Amino acid sequence: MSVFESISDASTKAVDKSELYLKKSHEFYKLKIFQQLSISISMVFKAVAIGGALIIGVTFMAIAMAFYIGALLDNYALGFIIVGSLFVITAFILFLMRKFINTLVIQKLSKSFFKHDKGL
């Protein structure tokens, strides 16, 4: 076997290995995208399901509390105004804490999103 045949054989093997590497990398990234997409969709679905149930529960509790406070004060409208004011105050506090909430959400999501990348 001549030197040129040896170089040709080595370069052919290198090309084959490169193609295999590219195929495997492509498969890996397809799986990685599928994994992250399924995790993200799962988190959104859980948030919508749990959030929906929570909103319904909070709504009924708020109505019940408004009727209860209204019955105590002999004025149902005042009970609803008090409960509504509590929600407005809570919303204002959450508005003031929005940067903290954003940071917290990003930290939690980044831990679950990038936890599998440590082994790369």
N, C-alpha and C. Protein backbone atom coordinates (compact mmCIF):
# COMPACT_ATOMS: atom_id res chain seq x y z
N MET A 1 0.85 -1.17 0.00
CA MET A 1 0.00 0.00 0.00
C MET A 1 0.89 1.23 0.00
N SER A 2 0.62 2.12 -0.92
CA SER A 2 1.44 3.32 -1.03
C SER A 2 1.01 4.37 -0.01
N VAL A 3 1.80 5.38 0.10
CA VAL A 3 1.52 6.47 1.03
C VAL A 3 0.23 7.18 0.63
N PHE A 4 0.03 7.34 -0.68
CA PHE A 4 -1.16 8.04 -1.15
C PHE A 4 -2.43 7.24 -0.86
N GLU A 5 -2.35 5.93 -1.01
CA GLU A 5 -3.50 5.09 -0.68
C GLU A 5 -3.79 5.14 0.81
N SER A 6 -2.76 5.16 1.61
CA SER A 6 -2.92 5.25 3.05
C SER A 6 -3.57 6.58 3.45
N ILE A 7 -3.13 7.68 2.84
CA ILE A 7 -3.71 8.99 3.12
C ILE A 7 -5.17 9.02 2.65
N SER A 8 -5.44 8.45 1.49
CA SER A 8 -6.80 8.40 0.95
C SER A 8 -7.71 7.60 1.87
N ASP A 9 -7.20 6.46 2.35
CA ASP A 9 -7.97 5.60 3.25
C ASP A 9 -8.24 6.34 4.57
N ALA A 10 -7.24 7.02 5.10
CA ALA A 10 -7.40 7.76 6.35
C ALA A 10 -8.40 8.90 6.18
N SER A 11 -8.32 9.61 5.06
CA SER A 11 -9.26 10.72 4.85
C SER A 11 -10.68 10.21 4.65
N THR A 12 -10.84 9.06 4.00
CA THR A 12 -12.17 8.46 3.84
C THR A 12 -12.75 8.08 5.19
N LYS A 13 -11.91 7.49 6.04
CA LYS A 13 -12.36 7.15 7.39
C LYS A 13 -12.73 8.40 8.18
N ALA A 14 -11.95 9.46 8.03
CA ALA A 14 -12.23 10.71 8.74
C ALA A 14 -13.55 11.30 8.27
N VAL A 15 -13.80 11.25 6.98
CA VAL A 15 -15.07 11.76 6.45
C VAL A 15 -16.23 10.93 6.98
N ASP A 16 -16.07 9.60 7.00
CA ASP A 16 -17.12 8.72 7.52
C ASP A 16 -17.40 9.01 9.00
N LYS A 17 -16.35 9.18 9.77
CA LYS A 17 -16.50 9.47 11.20
C LYS A 17 -17.17 10.84 11.39
N SER A 18 -16.82 11.80 10.55
CA SER A 18 -17.41 13.14 10.64
C SER A 18 -18.90 13.09 10.33
N GLU A 19 -19.25 12.34 9.30
CA GLU A 19 -20.66 12.20 8.94
C GLU A 19 -21.43 11.52 10.07
N LEU A 20 -20.86 10.48 10.65
CA LEU A 20 -21.49 9.80 11.77
C LEU A 20 -21.67 10.74 12.95
N TYR A 21 -20.64 11.53 13.22
CA TYR A 21 -20.71 12.51 14.31
C TYR A 21 -21.84 13.52 14.07
N LEU A 22 -21.93 14.02 12.85
CA LEU A 22 -22.98 14.99 12.52
C LEU A 22 -24.36 14.37 12.66
N LYS A 23 -24.52 13.12 12.21
CA LYS A 23 -25.81 12.45 12.34
C LYS A 23 -26.19 12.26 13.80
N LYS A 24 -25.23 11.81 14.60
CA LYS A 24 -25.50 11.58 16.02
C LYS A 24 -25.78 12.91 16.75
N SER A 25 -25.05 13.96 16.39
CA SER A 25 -25.29 15.27 16.98
C SER A 25 -26.68 15.77 16.63
N HIS A 26 -27.07 15.57 15.39
CA HIS A 26 -28.41 15.97 14.95
C HIS A 26 -29.48 15.21 15.73
N GLU A 27 -29.30 13.90 15.88
CA GLU A 27 -30.25 13.10 16.66
C GLU A 27 -30.30 13.56 18.11
N PHE A 28 -29.14 13.84 18.68
CA PHE A 28 -29.09 14.29 20.07
C PHE A 28 -29.84 15.60 20.25
N TYR A 29 -29.61 16.55 19.37
CA TYR A 29 -30.28 17.84 19.52
C TYR A 29 -31.77 17.75 19.24
N LYS A 30 -32.17 16.86 18.35
CA LYS A 30 -33.61 16.64 18.16
C LYS A 30 -34.24 16.11 19.44
N LEU A 31 -33.57 15.15 20.08
CA LEU A 31 -34.08 14.60 21.34
C LEU A 31 -34.07 15.66 22.44
N LYS A 32 -33.03 16.47 22.47
CA LYS A 32 -32.93 17.53 23.49
C LYS A 32 -34.05 18.56 23.32
N ILE A 33 -34.32 18.94 22.08
CA ILE A 33 -35.41 19.88 21.82
C ILE A 33 -36.74 19.26 22.20
N PHE A 34 -36.94 17.98 21.86
CA PHE A 34 -38.18 17.30 22.23
C PHE A 34 -38.33 17.26 23.75
N GLN A 35 -37.25 16.95 24.44
CA GLN A 35 -37.30 16.89 25.91
C GLN A 35 -37.68 18.25 26.50
N GLN A 36 -37.02 19.31 26.07
CA GLN A 36 -37.30 20.63 26.60
C GLN A 36 -38.70 21.10 26.23
N LEU A 37 -39.13 20.79 25.02
CA LEU A 37 -40.46 21.16 24.59
C LEU A 37 -41.53 20.43 25.40
N SER A 38 -41.32 19.15 25.64
CA SER A 38 -42.30 18.39 26.43
C SER A 38 -42.33 18.86 27.88
N ILE A 39 -41.18 19.19 28.44
CA ILE A 39 -41.14 19.72 29.80
C ILE A 39 -41.88 21.06 29.86
N SER A 40 -41.63 21.91 28.88
CA SER A 40 -42.27 23.23 28.86
C SER A 40 -43.78 23.12 28.70
N ILE A 41 -44.23 22.29 27.77
CA ILE A 41 -45.67 22.13 27.56
C ILE A 41 -46.31 21.52 28.79
N SER A 42 -45.64 20.57 29.41
CA SER A 42 -46.16 19.96 30.64
C SER A 42 -46.30 21.00 31.75
N MET A 43 -45.29 21.87 31.88
CA MET A 43 -45.36 22.90 32.91
C MET A 43 -46.51 23.87 32.64
N VAL A 44 -46.70 24.25 31.39
CA VAL A 44 -47.80 25.16 31.04
C VAL A 44 -49.14 24.50 31.32
N PHE A 45 -49.28 23.23 30.92
CA PHE A 45 -50.53 22.52 31.16
C PHE A 45 -50.84 22.42 32.65
N LYS A 46 -49.82 22.07 33.44
CA LYS A 46 -50.04 21.98 34.89
C LYS A 46 -50.40 23.34 35.48
N ALA A 47 -49.73 24.38 35.01
CA ALA A 47 -50.02 25.73 35.52
C ALA A 47 -51.45 26.14 35.19
N VAL A 48 -51.90 25.83 33.97
CA VAL A 48 -53.27 26.19 33.58
C VAL A 48 -54.28 25.37 34.39
N ALA A 49 -54.04 24.08 34.55
CA ALA A 49 -54.97 23.23 35.28
C ALA A 49 -55.05 23.63 36.75
N ILE A 50 -53.90 23.76 37.38
CA ILE A 50 -53.88 24.12 38.80
C ILE A 50 -54.37 25.55 38.98
N GLY A 51 -53.93 26.44 38.10
CA GLY A 51 -54.37 27.84 38.20
C GLY A 51 -55.86 27.99 38.01
N GLY A 52 -56.43 27.25 37.07
CA GLY A 52 -57.88 27.30 36.86
C GLY A 52 -58.65 26.84 38.09
N ALA A 53 -58.23 25.73 38.66
CA ALA A 53 -58.89 25.24 39.87
C ALA A 53 -58.73 26.23 41.03
N LEU A 54 -57.55 26.81 41.12
CA LEU A 54 -57.29 27.79 42.18
C LEU A 54 -58.14 29.04 42.02
N ILE A 55 -58.29 29.51 40.79
CA ILE A 55 -59.12 30.70 40.55
C ILE A 55 -60.57 30.43 40.91
N ILE A 56 -61.08 29.27 40.54
CA ILE A 56 -62.46 28.93 40.89
C ILE A 56 -62.62 28.87 42.40
N GLY A 57 -61.67 28.23 43.09
CA GLY A 57 -61.74 28.13 44.55
C GLY A 57 -61.66 29.49 45.22
N VAL A 58 -60.74 30.33 44.77
CA VAL A 58 -60.59 31.66 45.36
C VAL A 58 -61.84 32.51 45.10
N THR A 59 -62.43 32.35 43.92
CA THR A 59 -63.64 33.10 43.60
C THR A 59 -64.78 32.74 44.56
N PHE A 60 -64.99 31.45 44.77
CA PHE A 60 -66.06 31.04 45.68
C PHE A 60 -65.75 31.46 47.12
N MET A 61 -64.49 31.37 47.51
CA MET A 61 -64.14 31.79 48.87
C MET A 61 -64.32 33.30 49.03
N ALA A 62 -63.99 34.06 48.01
CA ALA A 62 -64.16 35.51 48.07
C ALA A 62 -65.64 35.89 48.16
N ILE A 63 -66.47 35.22 47.39
CA ILE A 63 -67.91 35.49 47.45
C ILE A 63 -68.46 35.13 48.82
N ALA A 64 -68.05 33.97 49.33
CA ALA A 64 -68.51 33.55 50.65
C ALA A 64 -68.04 34.53 51.73
N MET A 65 -66.78 34.98 51.64
CA MET A 65 -66.26 35.93 52.63
C MET A 65 -67.00 37.26 52.52
N ALA A 66 -67.31 37.69 51.30
CA ALA A 66 -68.04 38.94 51.13
C ALA A 66 -69.44 38.85 51.73
N PHE A 67 -70.11 37.74 51.52
CA PHE A 67 -71.43 37.56 52.13
C PHE A 67 -71.33 37.50 53.65
N TYR A 68 -70.31 36.83 54.16
CA TYR A 68 -70.12 36.72 55.60
C TYR A 68 -69.86 38.09 56.23
N ILE A 69 -68.94 38.84 55.64
CA ILE A 69 -68.64 40.18 56.17
C ILE A 69 -69.86 41.08 56.03
N GLY A 70 -70.56 40.95 54.92
CA GLY A 70 -71.78 41.72 54.71
C GLY A 70 -72.84 41.40 55.74
N ALA A 71 -72.97 40.10 56.09
CA ALA A 71 -73.95 39.71 57.10
C ALA A 71 -73.54 40.25 58.47
N LEU A 72 -72.24 40.25 58.79
CA LEU A 72 -71.78 40.80 60.06
C LEU A 72 -72.04 42.30 60.16
N LEU A 73 -71.90 43.00 59.04
CA LEU A 73 -72.08 44.46 59.03
C LEU A 73 -73.49 44.88 58.65
N ASP A 74 -74.36 43.91 58.39
CA ASP A 74 -75.73 44.16 57.93
C ASP A 74 -75.75 45.00 56.65
N ASN A 75 -74.74 44.82 55.81
CA ASN A 75 -74.68 45.55 54.54
C ASN A 75 -73.82 44.71 53.58
N TYR A 76 -74.50 43.99 52.68
CA TYR A 76 -73.78 43.10 51.77
C TYR A 76 -72.86 43.86 50.82
N ALA A 77 -73.28 45.03 50.40
CA ALA A 77 -72.45 45.81 49.49
C ALA A 77 -71.12 46.17 50.15
N LEU A 78 -71.18 46.52 51.43
CA LEU A 78 -69.95 46.84 52.15
C LEU A 78 -69.04 45.62 52.26
N GLY A 79 -69.62 44.45 52.44
CA GLY A 79 -68.83 43.22 52.48
C GLY A 79 -68.09 42.98 51.17
N PHE A 80 -68.78 43.21 50.04
CA PHE A 80 -68.13 43.03 48.74
C PHE A 80 -67.07 44.10 48.51
N ILE A 81 -67.32 45.32 48.97
CA ILE A 81 -66.31 46.38 48.83
C ILE A 81 -65.06 46.04 49.63
N ILE A 82 -65.21 45.52 50.83
CA ILE A 82 -64.06 45.15 51.66
C ILE A 82 -63.26 44.03 50.99
N VAL A 83 -63.95 42.99 50.53
CA VAL A 83 -63.25 41.87 49.88
C VAL A 83 -62.59 42.34 48.59
N GLY A 84 -63.27 43.16 47.81
CA GLY A 84 -62.68 43.70 46.60
C GLY A 84 -61.45 44.54 46.90
N SER A 85 -61.51 45.32 47.97
CA SER A 85 -60.36 46.13 48.38
C SER A 85 -59.17 45.25 48.77
N LEU A 86 -59.44 44.13 49.42
CA LEU A 86 -58.36 43.21 49.76
C LEU A 86 -57.66 42.68 48.51
N PHE A 87 -58.44 42.38 47.47
CA PHE A 87 -57.85 41.91 46.22
C PHE A 87 -57.05 43.01 45.53
N VAL A 88 -57.54 44.24 45.58
CA VAL A 88 -56.81 45.36 44.97
C VAL A 88 -55.50 45.59 45.71
N ILE A 89 -55.53 45.53 47.02
CA ILE A 89 -54.30 45.70 47.82
C ILE A 89 -53.31 44.58 47.51
N THR A 90 -53.82 43.34 47.43
CA THR A 90 -52.96 42.20 47.10
C THR A 90 -52.35 42.37 45.71
N ALA A 91 -53.15 42.81 44.75
CA ALA A 91 -52.63 43.04 43.39
C ALA A 91 -51.57 44.12 43.39
N PHE A 92 -51.76 45.17 44.17
CA PHE A 92 -50.77 46.26 44.24
C PHE A 92 -49.46 45.76 44.84
N ILE A 93 -49.56 44.95 45.88
CA ILE A 93 -48.35 44.39 46.50
C ILE A 93 -47.62 43.48 45.50
N LEU A 94 -48.37 42.66 44.78
CA LEU A 94 -47.75 41.80 43.76
C LEU A 94 -47.12 42.62 42.64
N PHE A 95 -47.76 43.73 42.29
CA PHE A 95 -47.19 44.61 41.28
C PHE A 95 -45.86 45.18 41.74
N LEU A 96 -45.78 45.56 43.01
CA LEU A 96 -44.53 46.09 43.54
C LEU A 96 -43.44 45.03 43.61
N MET A 97 -43.82 43.77 43.74
CA MET A 97 -42.87 42.67 43.87
C MET A 97 -42.60 41.98 42.52
N ARG A 98 -43.01 42.58 41.41
CA ARG A 98 -42.93 41.90 40.11
C ARG A 98 -41.51 41.54 39.69
N LYS A 99 -40.53 42.35 40.00
CA LYS A 99 -39.14 42.02 39.64
C LYS A 99 -38.64 40.82 40.43
N PHE A 100 -38.97 40.79 41.71
CA PHE A 100 -38.61 39.65 42.55
C PHE A 100 -39.27 38.37 42.03
N ILE A 101 -40.54 38.48 41.66
CA ILE A 101 -41.27 37.32 41.14
C ILE A 101 -40.65 36.85 39.82
N ASN A 102 -40.30 37.79 38.94
CA ASN A 102 -39.64 37.43 37.67
C ASN A 102 -38.34 36.69 37.92
N THR A 103 -37.53 37.21 38.83
CA THR A 103 -36.25 36.58 39.15
C THR A 103 -36.46 35.17 39.70
N LEU A 104 -37.42 35.03 40.58
CA LEU A 104 -37.72 33.72 41.17
C LEU A 104 -38.16 32.72 40.11
N VAL A 105 -39.04 33.14 39.22
CA VAL A 105 -39.53 32.25 38.17
C VAL A 105 -38.39 31.84 37.24
N ILE A 106 -37.56 32.80 36.86
CA ILE A 106 -36.43 32.50 35.96
C ILE A 106 -35.46 31.52 36.62
N GLN A 107 -35.19 31.71 37.90
CA GLN A 107 -34.28 30.80 38.61
C GLN A 107 -34.86 29.39 38.66
N LYS A 108 -36.13 29.27 38.97
CA LYS A 108 -36.76 27.95 39.06
C LYS A 108 -36.80 27.27 37.69
N LEU A 109 -37.17 28.02 36.65
CA LEU A 109 -37.23 27.43 35.32
C LEU A 109 -35.85 27.04 34.79
N SER A 110 -34.86 27.88 35.07
CA SER A 110 -33.52 27.57 34.57
C SER A 110 -32.95 26.32 35.23
N LYS A 111 -33.30 26.08 36.49
CA LYS A 111 -32.82 24.85 37.14
C LYS A 111 -33.38 23.62 36.46
N SER A 112 -34.68 23.63 36.16
CA SER A 112 -35.28 22.46 35.51
C SER A 112 -34.90 22.39 34.04
N PHE A 113 -34.72 23.53 33.41
CA PHE A 113 -34.44 23.57 31.97
C PHE A 113 -33.02 23.12 31.65
N PHE A 114 -32.07 23.49 32.50
CA PHE A 114 -30.66 23.21 32.21
C PHE A 114 -30.05 22.12 33.09
N LYS A 115 -30.86 21.43 33.88
CA LYS A 115 -30.29 20.43 34.80
C LYS A 115 -29.68 19.24 34.07
N HIS A 116 -30.12 18.95 32.86
CA HIS A 116 -29.60 17.80 32.12
C HIS A 116 -28.35 18.16 31.30
N ASP A 117 -28.02 19.44 31.20
CA ASP A 117 -26.88 19.83 30.39
C ASP A 117 -25.55 19.68 31.09
N LYS A 118 -25.52 19.32 32.35
CA LYS A 118 -24.27 19.21 33.10
C LYS A 118 -23.37 18.12 32.57
N GLY A 119 -23.96 17.08 31.99
CA GLY A 119 -23.16 15.95 31.53
C GLY A 119 -22.59 16.12 30.14
N LEU A 120 -22.86 17.23 29.47
CA LEU A 120 -22.38 17.40 28.09
C LEU A 120 -20.91 17.67 28.03
